[in-house]
């Protein structure tokens, strides 16, 4: 992966989605450094068994506008051809009405930015 991408994460239960900008910089064969403009974070994506995978810590932004820095851990997995995948989100601390340890899986669609 290389360049500017749009990443849309959708909660399949509510249909609620969030789109943010991601920038990928190659860091070797099957490796891409990913940066996210929404949270200011990112991580290193690795191509493993034909799937991109990435683990990151990120802030939780709640519906009421409060935020919890590094409140979430996310495990993204996506197909290198369709750029479709999932993200498993785990709450590290109580946040947004969810207890520590709460997990949810959302759908992810990544597209090359125009």
PDB file of N, CA and C in Angstrom:
ATOM      1  N   UNK A   1       0.848  -1.173   0.000  1.00  0.00           N
ATOM      2  CA  UNK A   1       0.000   0.000   0.000  1.00  0.00           C
ATOM      3  C   UNK A   1       0.888   1.229   0.000  1.00  0.00           C
ATOM      4  N   UNK A   2       0.431   2.218  -0.750  1.00  0.00           N
ATOM      5  CA  UNK A   2       1.182   3.458  -0.833  1.00  0.00           C
ATOM      6  C   UNK A   2       0.248   4.582  -1.253  1.00  0.00           C
ATOM      7  N   UNK A   3       0.281   5.690  -0.518  1.00  0.00           N
ATOM      8  CA  UNK A   3      -0.506   6.855  -0.911  1.00  0.00           C
ATOM      9  C   UNK A   3      -1.589   7.217   0.079  1.00  0.00           C
ATOM     10  N   UNK A   4      -2.540   8.000  -0.409  1.00  0.00           N
ATOM     11  CA  UNK A   4      -3.635   8.546   0.391  1.00  0.00           C
ATOM     12  C   UNK A   4      -4.883   7.688   0.203  1.00  0.00           C
ATOM     13  N   UNK A   5      -5.500   7.276   1.308  1.00  0.00           N
ATOM     14  CA  UNK A   5      -6.692   6.431   1.274  1.00  0.00           C
ATOM     15  C   UNK A   5      -7.783   7.033   2.159  1.00  0.00           C
ATOM     16  N   UNK A   6      -9.014   6.695   1.852  1.00  0.00           N
ATOM     17  CA  UNK A   6     -10.143   6.986   2.716  1.00  0.00           C
ATOM     18  C   UNK A   6     -10.580   5.669   3.324  1.00  0.00           C
ATOM     19  N   UNK A   7     -10.748   5.656   4.644  1.00  0.00           N
ATOM     20  CA  UNK A   7     -11.134   4.443   5.364  1.00  0.00           C
ATOM     21  C   UNK A   7     -12.488   4.701   6.016  1.00  0.00           C
ATOM     22  N   UNK A   8     -13.490   3.904   5.625  1.00  0.00           N
ATOM     23  CA  UNK A   8     -14.827   4.032   6.192  1.00  0.00           C
ATOM     24  C   UNK A   8     -15.096   2.825   7.076  1.00  0.00           C
ATOM     25  N   UNK A   9     -15.410   3.122   8.334  1.00  0.00           N
ATOM     26  CA  UNK A   9     -15.731   2.085   9.316  1.00  0.00           C
ATOM     27  C   UNK A   9     -17.218   2.170   9.616  1.00  0.00           C
ATOM     28  N   UNK A  10     -17.918   1.041   9.470  1.00  0.00           N
ATOM     29  CA  UNK A  10     -19.371   1.004   9.651  1.00  0.00           C
ATOM     30  C   UNK A  10     -19.743  -0.019  10.713  1.00  0.00           C
ATOM     31  N   UNK A  11     -20.581   0.416  11.646  1.00  0.00           N
ATOM     32  CA  UNK A  11     -21.131  -0.490  12.650  1.00  0.00           C
ATOM     33  C   UNK A  11     -22.286  -1.234  11.995  1.00  0.00           C
ATOM     34  N   UNK A  12     -22.180  -2.550  11.806  1.00  0.00           N
ATOM     35  CA  UNK A  12     -23.238  -3.282  11.104  1.00  0.00           C
ATOM     36  C   UNK A  12     -24.568  -3.329  11.860  1.00  0.00           C
ATOM     37  N   UNK A  13     -24.539  -3.110  13.172  1.00  0.00           N
ATOM     38  CA  UNK A  13     -25.769  -3.137  13.959  1.00  0.00           C
ATOM     39  C   UNK A  13     -26.570  -1.849  13.816  1.00  0.00           C
ATOM     40  N   UNK A  14     -25.862  -0.701  13.753  1.00  0.00           N
ATOM     41  CA  UNK A  14     -26.551   0.588  13.708  1.00  0.00           C
ATOM     42  C   UNK A  14     -26.515   1.250  12.330  1.00  0.00           C
ATOM     43  N   UNK A  15     -25.596   0.812  11.474  1.00  0.00           N
ATOM     44  CA  UNK A  15     -25.419   1.451  10.174  1.00  0.00           C
ATOM     45  C   UNK A  15     -24.630   2.746  10.257  1.00  0.00           C
ATOM     46  N   UNK A  16     -24.240   3.137  11.448  1.00  0.00           N
ATOM     47  CA  UNK A  16     -23.470   4.365  11.656  1.00  0.00           C
ATOM     48  C   UNK A  16     -22.068   4.177  11.094  1.00  0.00           C
ATOM     49  N   UNK A  17     -21.569   5.189  10.363  1.00  0.00           N
ATOM     50  CA  UNK A  17     -20.233   5.060   9.791  1.00  0.00           C
ATOM     51  C   UNK A  17     -19.431   6.347   9.976  1.00  0.00           C
ATOM     52  N   UNK A  18     -18.109   6.167   9.960  1.00  0.00           N
ATOM     53  CA  UNK A  18     -17.157   7.266  10.084  1.00  0.00           C
ATOM     54  C   UNK A  18     -16.100   7.060   9.011  1.00  0.00           C
ATOM     55  N   UNK A  19     -15.777   8.134   8.292  1.00  0.00           N
ATOM     56  CA  UNK A  19     -14.729   8.075   7.266  1.00  0.00           C
ATOM     57  C   UNK A  19     -13.591   8.994   7.677  1.00  0.00           C
ATOM     58  N   UNK A  20     -12.369   8.500   7.548  1.00  0.00           N
ATOM     59  CA  UNK A  20     -11.203   9.325   7.843  1.00  0.00           C
ATOM     60  C   UNK A  20     -10.112   9.068   6.816  1.00  0.00           C
ATOM     61  N   UNK A  21      -9.118   9.934   6.837  1.00  0.00           N
ATOM     62  CA  UNK A  21      -7.996   9.854   5.903  1.00  0.00           C
ATOM     63  C   UNK A  21      -6.876   9.012   6.488  1.00  0.00           C
ATOM     64  N   UNK A  22      -6.324   8.134   5.658  1.00  0.00           N
ATOM     65  CA  UNK A  22      -5.159   7.348   6.022  1.00  0.00           C
ATOM     66  C   UNK A  22      -4.089   7.563   4.962  1.00  0.00           C
ATOM     67  N   UNK A  23      -2.843   7.607   5.394  1.00  0.00           N
ATOM     68  CA  UNK A  23      -1.712   7.751   4.487  1.00  0.00           C
ATOM     69  C   UNK A  23      -0.794   6.551   4.692  1.00  0.00           C
ATOM     70  N   UNK A  24      -0.483   5.862   3.588  1.00  0.00           N
ATOM     71  CA  UNK A  24       0.345   4.658   3.640  1.00  0.00           C
ATOM     72  C   UNK A  24       1.698   4.937   3.004  1.00  0.00           C
ATOM     73  N   UNK A  25       2.754   4.538   3.712  1.00  0.00           N
ATOM     74  CA  UNK A  25       4.114   4.665   3.207  1.00  0.00           C
ATOM     75  C   UNK A  25       4.755   3.285   3.278  1.00  0.00           C
ATOM     76  N   UNK A  26       5.214   2.736   2.147  1.00  0.00           N
ATOM     77  CA  UNK A  26       5.845   1.411   2.184  1.00  0.00           C
ATOM     78  C   UNK A  26       7.047   1.393   3.128  1.00  0.00           C
ATOM     79  N   UNK A  27       7.198   0.281   3.861  1.00  0.00           N
ATOM     80  CA  UNK A  27       8.330   0.133   4.787  1.00  0.00           C
ATOM     81  C   UNK A  27       9.021  -1.208   4.574  1.00  0.00           C
ATOM     82  N   UNK A  28       8.905  -1.740   3.365  1.00  0.00           N
ATOM     83  CA  UNK A  28       9.506  -3.024   3.036  1.00  0.00           C
ATOM     84  C   UNK A  28       8.483  -3.909   2.363  1.00  0.00           C
ATOM     85  N   UNK A  29       8.909  -5.124   2.009  1.00  0.00           N
ATOM     86  CA  UNK A  29       8.021  -6.067   1.346  1.00  0.00           C
ATOM     87  C   UNK A  29       6.902  -6.485   2.300  1.00  0.00           C
ATOM     88  N   UNK A  30       5.649  -6.221   1.924  1.00  0.00           N
ATOM     89  CA  UNK A  30       4.513  -6.591   2.765  1.00  0.00           C
ATOM     90  C   UNK A  30       4.383  -5.757   4.013  1.00  0.00           C
ATOM     91  N   UNK A  31       4.858  -4.519   3.973  1.00  0.00           N
ATOM     92  CA  UNK A  31       4.826  -3.634   5.132  1.00  0.00           C
ATOM     93  C   UNK A  31       4.435  -2.228   4.688  1.00  0.00           C
ATOM     94  N   UNK A  32       3.559  -1.580   5.459  1.00  0.00           N
ATOM     95  CA  UNK A  32       3.184  -0.194   5.184  1.00  0.00           C
ATOM     96  C   UNK A  32       2.975   0.537   6.503  1.00  0.00           C
ATOM     97  N   UNK A  33       3.628   1.685   6.645  1.00  0.00           N
ATOM     98  CA  UNK A  33       3.380   2.551   7.786  1.00  0.00           C
ATOM     99  C   UNK A  33       2.126   3.346   7.480  1.00  0.00           C
ATOM    100  N   UNK A  34       1.145   3.274   8.385  1.00  0.00           N
ATOM    101  CA  UNK A  34      -0.146   3.925   8.186  1.00  0.00           C
ATOM    102  C   UNK A  34      -0.297   5.049   9.200  1.00  0.00           C
ATOM    103  N   UNK A  35      -0.682   6.239   8.727  1.00  0.00           N
ATOM    104  CA  UNK A  35      -0.971   7.338   9.643  1.00  0.00           C
ATOM    105  C   UNK A  35      -2.402   7.793   9.418  1.00  0.00           C
ATOM    106  N   UNK A  36      -3.047   8.185  10.510  1.00  0.00           N
ATOM    107  CA  UNK A  36      -4.461   8.535  10.521  1.00  0.00           C
ATOM    108  C   UNK A  36      -4.593   9.990  10.938  1.00  0.00           C
ATOM    109  N   UNK A  37      -5.241  10.800  10.111  1.00  0.00           N
ATOM    110  CA  UNK A  37      -5.382  12.214  10.435  1.00  0.00           C
ATOM    111  C   UNK A  37      -6.440  12.469  11.492  1.00  0.00           C
ATOM    112  N   UNK A  38      -7.396  11.562  11.671  1.00  0.00           N
ATOM    113  CA  UNK A  38      -8.467  11.769  12.640  1.00  0.00           C
ATOM    114  C   UNK A  38      -7.943  11.684  14.074  1.00  0.00           C
ATOM    115  N   UNK A  39      -7.191  10.636  14.375  1.00  0.00           N
ATOM    116  CA  UNK A  39      -6.713  10.455  15.748  1.00  0.00           C
ATOM    117  C   UNK A  39      -5.272  10.897  15.915  1.00  0.00           C
ATOM    118  N   UNK A  40      -4.599  11.187  14.804  1.00  0.00           N
ATOM    119  CA  UNK A  40      -3.192  11.546  14.893  1.00  0.00           C
ATOM    120  C   UNK A  40      -2.308  10.331  15.114  1.00  0.00           C
ATOM    121  N   UNK A  41      -2.910   9.158  15.097  1.00  0.00           N
ATOM    122  CA  UNK A  41      -2.161   7.939  15.338  1.00  0.00           C
ATOM    123  C   UNK A  41      -1.955   7.142  14.075  1.00  0.00           C
ATOM    124  N   UNK A  42      -1.672   5.915  14.275  1.00  0.00           N
ATOM    125  CA  UNK A  42      -1.465   5.014  13.158  1.00  0.00           C
ATOM    126  C   UNK A  42      -0.719   3.793  13.624  1.00  0.00           C
ATOM    127  N   UNK A  43      -0.221   3.060  12.683  1.00  0.00           N
ATOM    128  CA  UNK A  43       0.491   1.842  13.023  1.00  0.00           C
ATOM    129  C   UNK A  43       1.146   1.260  11.795  1.00  0.00           C
ATOM    130  N   UNK A  44       1.653   0.079  11.955  1.00  0.00           N
ATOM    131  CA  UNK A  44       2.330  -0.601  10.859  1.00  0.00           C
ATOM    132  C   UNK A  44       1.461  -1.759  10.392  1.00  0.00           C
ATOM    133  N   UNK A  45       1.069  -1.700   9.129  1.00  0.00           N
ATOM    134  CA  UNK A  45       0.279  -2.774   8.534  1.00  0.00           C
ATOM    135  C   UNK A  45       1.234  -3.794   7.919  1.00  0.00           C
ATOM    136  N   UNK A  46       0.906  -5.068   8.128  1.00  0.00           N
ATOM    137  CA  UNK A  46       1.725  -6.152   7.592  1.00  0.00           C
ATOM    138  C   UNK A  46       0.848  -7.069   6.751  1.00  0.00           C
ATOM    139  N   UNK A  47       1.377  -7.520   5.627  1.00  0.00           N
ATOM    140  CA  UNK A  47       0.683  -8.469   4.768  1.00  0.00           C
ATOM    141  C   UNK A  47       1.006  -9.871   5.292  1.00  0.00           C
ATOM    142  N   UNK A  48      -0.003 -10.524   5.913  1.00  0.00           N
ATOM    143  CA  UNK A  48       0.187 -11.824   6.556  1.00  0.00           C
ATOM    144  C   UNK A  48      -0.853 -12.795   6.007  1.00  0.00           C
ATOM    145  N   UNK A  49      -0.398 -13.909   5.450  1.00  0.00           N
ATOM    146  CA  UNK A  49      -1.300 -14.930   4.903  1.00  0.00           C
ATOM    147  C   UNK A  49      -2.321 -14.337   3.936  1.00  0.00           C
ATOM    148  N   UNK A  50      -1.856 -13.416   3.092  1.00  0.00           N
ATOM    149  CA  UNK A  50      -2.715 -12.837   2.064  1.00  0.00           C
ATOM    150  C   UNK A  50      -3.677 -11.766   2.551  1.00  0.00           C
ATOM    151  N   UNK A  51      -3.536 -11.316   3.796  1.00  0.00           N
ATOM    152  CA  UNK A  51      -4.397 -10.258   4.344  1.00  0.00           C
ATOM    153  C   UNK A  51      -3.532  -9.181   4.989  1.00  0.00           C
ATOM    154  N   UNK A  52      -3.937  -7.916   4.815  1.00  0.00           N
ATOM    155  CA  UNK A  52      -3.302  -6.849   5.566  1.00  0.00           C
ATOM    156  C   UNK A  52      -3.836  -6.893   6.992  1.00  0.00           C
ATOM    157  N   UNK A  53      -2.953  -6.738   7.981  1.00  0.00           N
ATOM    158  CA  UNK A  53      -3.364  -6.678   9.379  1.00  0.00           C
ATOM    159  C   UNK A  53      -2.636  -5.522  10.059  1.00  0.00           C
ATOM    160  N   UNK A  54      -3.311  -4.914  11.036  1.00  0.00           N
ATOM    161  CA  UNK A  54      -2.701  -3.812  11.766  1.00  0.00           C
ATOM    162  C   UNK A  54      -3.341  -3.716  13.147  1.00  0.00           C
ATOM    163  N   UNK A  55      -2.517  -3.558  14.166  1.00  0.00           N
ATOM    164  CA  UNK A  55      -2.984  -3.359  15.530  1.00  0.00           C
ATOM    165  C   UNK A  55      -2.586  -1.956  15.969  1.00  0.00           C
ATOM    166  N   UNK A  56      -3.566  -1.205  16.480  1.00  0.00           N
ATOM    167  CA  UNK A  56      -3.280   0.147  16.941  1.00  0.00           C
ATOM    168  C   UNK A  56      -4.047   0.447  18.233  1.00  0.00           C
ATOM    169  N   UNK A  57      -3.505   1.359  19.016  1.00  0.00           N
ATOM    170  CA  UNK A  57      -4.208   1.930  20.165  1.00  0.00           C
ATOM    171  C   UNK A  57      -4.742   3.277  19.700  1.00  0.00           C
ATOM    172  N   UNK A  58      -5.958   3.602  20.109  1.00  0.00           N
ATOM    173  CA  UNK A  58      -6.557   4.854  19.661  1.00  0.00           C
ATOM    174  C   UNK A  58      -7.501   5.408  20.710  1.00  0.00           C
ATOM    175  N   UNK A  59      -7.843   6.660  20.536  1.00  0.00           N
ATOM    176  CA  UNK A  59      -8.773   7.298  21.448  1.00  0.00           C
ATOM    177  C   UNK A  59     -10.208   6.923  21.138  1.00  0.00           C
ATOM    178  N   UNK A  60     -11.034   6.945  22.179  1.00  0.00           N
ATOM    179  CA  UNK A  60     -12.469   6.718  22.016  1.00  0.00           C
ATOM    180  C   UNK A  60     -13.148   8.080  21.962  1.00  0.00           C
ATOM    181  N   UNK A  61     -13.951   8.308  20.932  1.00  0.00           N
ATOM    182  CA  UNK A  61     -14.758   9.521  20.846  1.00  0.00           C
ATOM    183  C   UNK A  61     -16.210   9.102  21.001  1.00  0.00           C
ATOM    184  N   UNK A  62     -16.851   9.598  22.049  1.00  0.00           N
ATOM    185  CA  UNK A  62     -18.206   9.174  22.398  1.00  0.00           C
ATOM    186  C   UNK A  62     -19.252  10.070  21.734  1.00  0.00           C
ATOM    187  N   UNK A  63     -20.466   9.553  21.643  1.00  0.00           N
ATOM    188  CA  UNK A  63     -21.572  10.276  21.005  1.00  0.00           C
ATOM    189  C   UNK A  63     -21.850  11.615  21.685  1.00  0.00           C
ATOM    190  N   UNK A  64     -21.558  11.715  22.984  1.00  0.00           N
ATOM    191  CA  UNK A  64     -21.810  12.975  23.697  1.00  0.00           C
ATOM    192  C   UNK A  64     -20.676  13.979  23.547  1.00  0.00           C
ATOM    193  N   UNK A  65     -19.658  13.620  22.736  1.00  0.00           N
ATOM    194  CA  UNK A  65     -18.552  14.538  22.473  1.00  0.00           C
ATOM    195  C   UNK A  65     -17.349  14.359  23.370  1.00  0.00           C
ATOM    196  N   UNK A  66     -17.474  13.537  24.413  1.00  0.00           N
ATOM    197  CA  UNK A  66     -16.309  13.305  25.267  1.00  0.00           C
ATOM    198  C   UNK A  66     -15.332  12.379  24.552  1.00  0.00           C
ATOM    199  N   UNK A  67     -14.082  12.462  24.951  1.00  0.00           N
ATOM    200  CA  UNK A  67     -13.082  11.574  24.363  1.00  0.00           C
ATOM    201  C   UNK A  67     -12.210  10.991  25.463  1.00  0.00           C
ATOM    202  N   UNK A  68     -11.736   9.785  25.207  1.00  0.00           N
ATOM    203  CA  UNK A  68     -10.889   9.057  26.146  1.00  0.00           C
ATOM    204  C   UNK A  68      -9.618   8.678  25.391  1.00  0.00           C
ATOM    205  N   UNK A  69      -8.508   9.401  25.638  1.00  0.00           N
ATOM    206  CA  UNK A  69      -7.262   9.080  24.939  1.00  0.00           C
ATOM    207  C   UNK A  69      -6.835   7.635  25.177  1.00  0.00           C
ATOM    208  N   UNK A  70      -6.448   6.965  24.110  1.00  0.00           N
ATOM    209  CA  UNK A  70      -5.976   5.576  24.148  1.00  0.00           C
ATOM    210  C   UNK A  70      -6.945   4.638  24.855  1.00  0.00           C
ATOM    211  N   UNK A  71      -8.231   4.934  24.727  1.00  0.00           N
ATOM    212  CA  UNK A  71      -9.252   4.108  25.358  1.00  0.00           C
ATOM    213  C   UNK A  71      -9.565   2.835  24.609  1.00  0.00           C
ATOM    214  N   UNK A  72      -9.115   2.731  23.365  1.00  0.00           N
ATOM    215  CA  UNK A  72      -9.463   1.587  22.527  1.00  0.00           C
ATOM    216  C   UNK A  72      -8.223   0.911  21.948  1.00  0.00           C
ATOM    217  N   UNK A  73      -8.340  -0.374  21.698  1.00  0.00           N
ATOM    218  CA  UNK A  73      -7.357  -1.123  20.913  1.00  0.00           C
ATOM    219  C   UNK A  73      -8.107  -1.638  19.692  1.00  0.00           C
ATOM    220  N   UNK A  74      -7.496  -1.525  18.527  1.00  0.00           N
ATOM    221  CA  UNK A  74      -8.161  -1.954  17.297  1.00  0.00           C
ATOM    222  C   UNK A  74      -7.278  -2.933  16.537  1.00  0.00           C
ATOM    223  N   UNK A  75      -7.907  -3.990  16.018  1.00  0.00           N
ATOM    224  CA  UNK A  75      -7.225  -4.972  15.173  1.00  0.00           C
ATOM    225  C   UNK A  75      -7.929  -4.954  13.818  1.00  0.00           C
ATOM    226  N   UNK A  76      -7.277  -4.307  12.837  1.00  0.00           N
ATOM    227  CA  UNK A  76      -7.819  -4.207  11.475  1.00  0.00           C
ATOM    228  C   UNK A  76      -7.291  -5.349  10.621  1.00  0.00           C
ATOM    229  N   UNK A  77      -8.154  -5.898   9.771  1.00  0.00           N
ATOM    230  CA  UNK A  77      -7.779  -6.901   8.783  1.00  0.00           C
ATOM    231  C   UNK A  77      -8.517  -6.565   7.498  1.00  0.00           C
ATOM    232  N   UNK A  78      -7.793  -6.513   6.343  1.00  0.00           N
ATOM    233  CA  UNK A  78      -8.471  -6.224   5.089  1.00  0.00           C
ATOM    234  C   UNK A  78      -7.800  -6.930   3.924  1.00  0.00           C
ATOM    235  N   UNK A  79      -8.608  -7.197   2.912  1.00  0.00           N
ATOM    236  CA  UNK A  79      -8.182  -7.887   1.707  1.00  0.00           C
ATOM    237  C   UNK A  79      -7.365  -6.921   0.840  1.00  0.00           C
ATOM    238  N   UNK A  80      -6.199  -7.339   0.335  1.00  0.00           N
ATOM    239  CA  UNK A  80      -5.367  -6.435  -0.453  1.00  0.00           C
ATOM    240  C   UNK A  80      -5.958  -6.094  -1.823  1.00  0.00           C
ATOM    241  N   UNK A  81      -6.896  -6.904  -2.321  1.00  0.00           N
ATOM    242  CA  UNK A  81      -7.487  -6.643  -3.640  1.00  0.00           C
ATOM    243  C   UNK A  81      -8.749  -5.792  -3.551  1.00  0.00           C
ATOM    244  N   UNK A  82      -9.663  -6.163  -2.666  1.00  0.00           N
ATOM    245  CA  UNK A  82     -10.933  -5.428  -2.549  1.00  0.00           C
ATOM    246  C   UNK A  82     -10.846  -4.287  -1.549  1.00  0.00           C
ATOM    247  N   UNK A  83      -9.838  -4.330  -0.663  1.00  0.00           N
ATOM    248  CA  UNK A  83      -9.665  -3.363   0.425  1.00  0.00           C
ATOM    249  C   UNK A  83     -10.863  -3.352   1.375  1.00  0.00           C
ATOM    250  N   UNK A  84     -11.585  -4.476   1.438  1.00  0.00           N
ATOM    251  CA  UNK A  84     -12.682  -4.652   2.389  1.00  0.00           C
ATOM    252  C   UNK A  84     -12.194  -5.499   3.546  1.00  0.00           C
ATOM    253  N   UNK A  85     -12.723  -5.210   4.740  1.00  0.00           N
ATOM    254  CA  UNK A  85     -12.320  -5.997   5.885  1.00  0.00           C
ATOM    255  C   UNK A  85     -13.121  -5.672   7.113  1.00  0.00           C
ATOM    256  N   UNK A  86     -12.516  -5.958   8.262  1.00  0.00           N
ATOM    257  CA  UNK A  86     -13.169  -5.715   9.541  1.00  0.00           C
ATOM    258  C   UNK A  86     -12.170  -5.092  10.509  1.00  0.00           C
ATOM    259  N   UNK A  87     -12.717  -4.492  11.551  1.00  0.00           N
ATOM    260  CA  UNK A  87     -11.903  -4.011  12.661  1.00  0.00           C
ATOM    261  C   UNK A  87     -12.569  -4.498  13.949  1.00  0.00           C
ATOM    262  N   UNK A  88     -11.784  -5.193  14.766  1.00  0.00           N
ATOM    263  CA  UNK A  88     -12.271  -5.612  16.072  1.00  0.00           C
ATOM    264  C   UNK A  88     -11.777  -4.572  17.079  1.00  0.00           C
ATOM    265  N   UNK A  89     -12.730  -3.934  17.744  1.00  0.00           N
ATOM    266  CA  UNK A  89     -12.424  -2.869  18.696  1.00  0.00           C
ATOM    267  C   UNK A  89     -12.625  -3.405  20.110  1.00  0.00           C
ATOM    268  N   UNK A  90     -11.624  -3.194  20.963  1.00  0.00           N
ATOM    269  CA  UNK A  90     -11.693  -3.589  22.365  1.00  0.00           C
ATOM    270  C   UNK A  90     -11.504  -2.346  23.226  1.00  0.00           C
ATOM    271  N   UNK A  91     -12.407  -2.150  24.175  1.00  0.00           N
ATOM    272  CA  UNK A  91     -12.298  -1.018  25.098  1.00  0.00           C
ATOM    273  C   UNK A  91     -11.277  -1.358  26.180  1.00  0.00           C
ATOM    274  N   UNK A  92     -10.216  -0.554  26.276  1.00  0.00           N
ATOM    275  CA  UNK A  92      -9.178  -0.760  27.281  1.00  0.00           C
ATOM    276  C   UNK A  92      -9.632  -0.305  28.666  1.00  0.00           C
ATOM    277  N   UNK A  93     -10.505   0.690  28.684  1.00  0.00           N
ATOM    278  CA  UNK A  93     -11.033   1.287  29.916  1.00  0.00           C
ATOM    279  C   UNK A  93     -12.522   1.526  29.714  1.00  0.00           C
ATOM    280  N   UNK A  94     -13.280   1.746  30.784  1.00  0.00           N
ATOM    281  CA  UNK A  94     -14.686   2.095  30.584  1.00  0.00           C
ATOM    282  C   UNK A  94     -14.784   3.408  29.787  1.00  0.00           C
ATOM    283  N   UNK A  95     -15.594   3.396  28.737  1.00  0.00           N
ATOM    284  CA  UNK A  95     -15.745   4.599  27.906  1.00  0.00           C
ATOM    285  C   UNK A  95     -17.031   4.504  27.098  1.00  0.00           C
ATOM    286  N   UNK A  96     -17.669   5.626  26.886  1.00  0.00           N
ATOM    287  CA  UNK A  96     -18.847   5.729  26.016  1.00  0.00           C
ATOM    288  C   UNK A  96     -19.967   4.775  26.454  1.00  0.00           C
ATOM    289  N   UNK A  97     -20.073   4.531  27.740  1.00  0.00           N
ATOM    290  CA  UNK A  97     -21.117   3.644  28.248  1.00  0.00           C
ATOM    291  C   UNK A  97     -20.783   2.172  28.163  1.00  0.00           C
ATOM    292  N   UNK A  98     -19.572   1.843  27.732  1.00  0.00           N
ATOM    293  CA  UNK A  98     -19.157   0.444  27.628  1.00  0.00           C
ATOM    294  C   UNK A  98     -18.103   0.135  28.683  1.00  0.00           C
ATOM    295  N   UNK A  99     -18.133  -1.072  29.233  1.00  0.00           N
ATOM    296  CA  UNK A  99     -17.140  -1.443  30.246  1.00  0.00           C
ATOM    297  C   UNK A  99     -15.792  -1.782  29.614  1.00  0.00           C
ATOM    298  N   UNK A 100     -14.753  -1.742  30.415  1.00  0.00           N
ATOM    299  CA  UNK A 100     -13.439  -2.210  29.962  1.00  0.00           C
ATOM    300  C   UNK A 100     -13.579  -3.658  29.513  1.00  0.00           C
ATOM    301  N   UNK A 101     -12.960  -4.004  28.400  1.00  0.00           N
ATOM    302  CA  UNK A 101     -13.033  -5.362  27.870  1.00  0.00           C
ATOM    303  C   UNK A 101     -14.137  -5.567  26.847  1.00  0.00           C
ATOM    304  N   UNK A 102     -15.061  -4.597  26.730  1.00  0.00           N
ATOM    305  CA  UNK A 102     -16.143  -4.712  25.744  1.00  0.00           C
ATOM    306  C   UNK A 102     -15.539  -4.771  24.339  1.00  0.00           C
ATOM    307  N   UNK A 103     -16.072  -5.650  23.484  1.00  0.00           N
ATOM    308  CA  UNK A 103     -15.579  -5.786  22.113  1.00  0.00           C
ATOM    309  C   UNK A 103     -16.714  -5.662  21.121  1.00  0.00           C
ATOM    310  N   UNK A 104     -16.391  -5.101  19.980  1.00  0.00           N
ATOM    311  CA  UNK A 104     -17.332  -5.022  18.868  1.00  0.00           C
ATOM    312  C   UNK A 104     -16.543  -5.173  17.575  1.00  0.00           C
ATOM    313  N   UNK A 105     -17.188  -5.681  16.543  1.00  0.00           N
ATOM    314  CA  UNK A 105     -16.541  -5.831  15.239  1.00  0.00           C
ATOM    315  C   UNK A 105     -17.306  -5.003  14.218  1.00  0.00           C
ATOM    316  N   UNK A 106     -16.591  -4.125  13.541  1.00  0.00           N
ATOM    317  CA  UNK A 106     -17.183  -3.256  12.526  1.00  0.00           C
ATOM    318  C   UNK A 106     -16.626  -3.597  11.153  1.00  0.00           C
ATOM    319  N   UNK A 107     -17.369  -3.215  10.115  1.00  0.00           N
ATOM    320  CA  UNK A 107     -16.927  -3.403   8.737  1.00  0.00           C
ATOM    321  C   UNK A 107     -16.032  -2.238   8.330  1.00  0.00           C
ATOM    322  N   UNK A 108     -15.056  -2.522   7.474  1.00  0.00           N
ATOM    323  CA  UNK A 108     -14.140  -1.494   6.981  1.00  0.00           C
ATOM    324  C   UNK A 108     -14.087  -1.566   5.463  1.00  0.00           C
ATOM    325  N   UNK A 109     -14.122  -0.399   4.823  1.00  0.00           N
ATOM    326  CA  UNK A 109     -13.902  -0.277   3.382  1.00  0.00           C
ATOM    327  C   UNK A 109     -12.854   0.811   3.170  1.00  0.00           C
ATOM    328  N   UNK A 110     -11.788   0.462   2.492  1.00  0.00           N
ATOM    329  CA  UNK A 110     -10.721   1.404   2.200  1.00  0.00           C
ATOM    330  C   UNK A 110     -10.752   1.691   0.700  1.00  0.00           C
ATOM    331  N   UNK A 111     -10.631   2.963   0.332  1.00  0.00           N
ATOM    332  CA  UNK A 111     -10.606   3.340  -1.086  1.00  0.00           C
ATOM    333  C   UNK A 111      -9.440   4.302  -1.315  1.00  0.00           C
ATOM    334  N   UNK A 112      -8.873   4.244  -2.504  1.00  0.00           N
ATOM    335  CA  UNK A 112      -7.829   5.195  -2.868  1.00  0.00           C
ATOM    336  C   UNK A 112      -8.480   6.570  -2.971  1.00  0.00           C
ATOM    337  N   UNK A 113      -7.884   7.560  -2.334  1.00  0.00           N
ATOM    338  CA  UNK A 113      -8.427   8.915  -2.371  1.00  0.00           C
ATOM    339  C   UNK A 113      -8.224   9.513  -3.765  1.00  0.00           C
ATOM    340  N   UNK A 114      -9.175  10.348  -4.189  1.00  0.00           N
ATOM    341  CA  UNK A 114      -9.033  10.982  -5.514  1.00  0.00           C
ATOM    342  C   UNK A 114      -7.890  11.974  -5.555  1.00  0.00           C
TER     343      UNK A 114
END
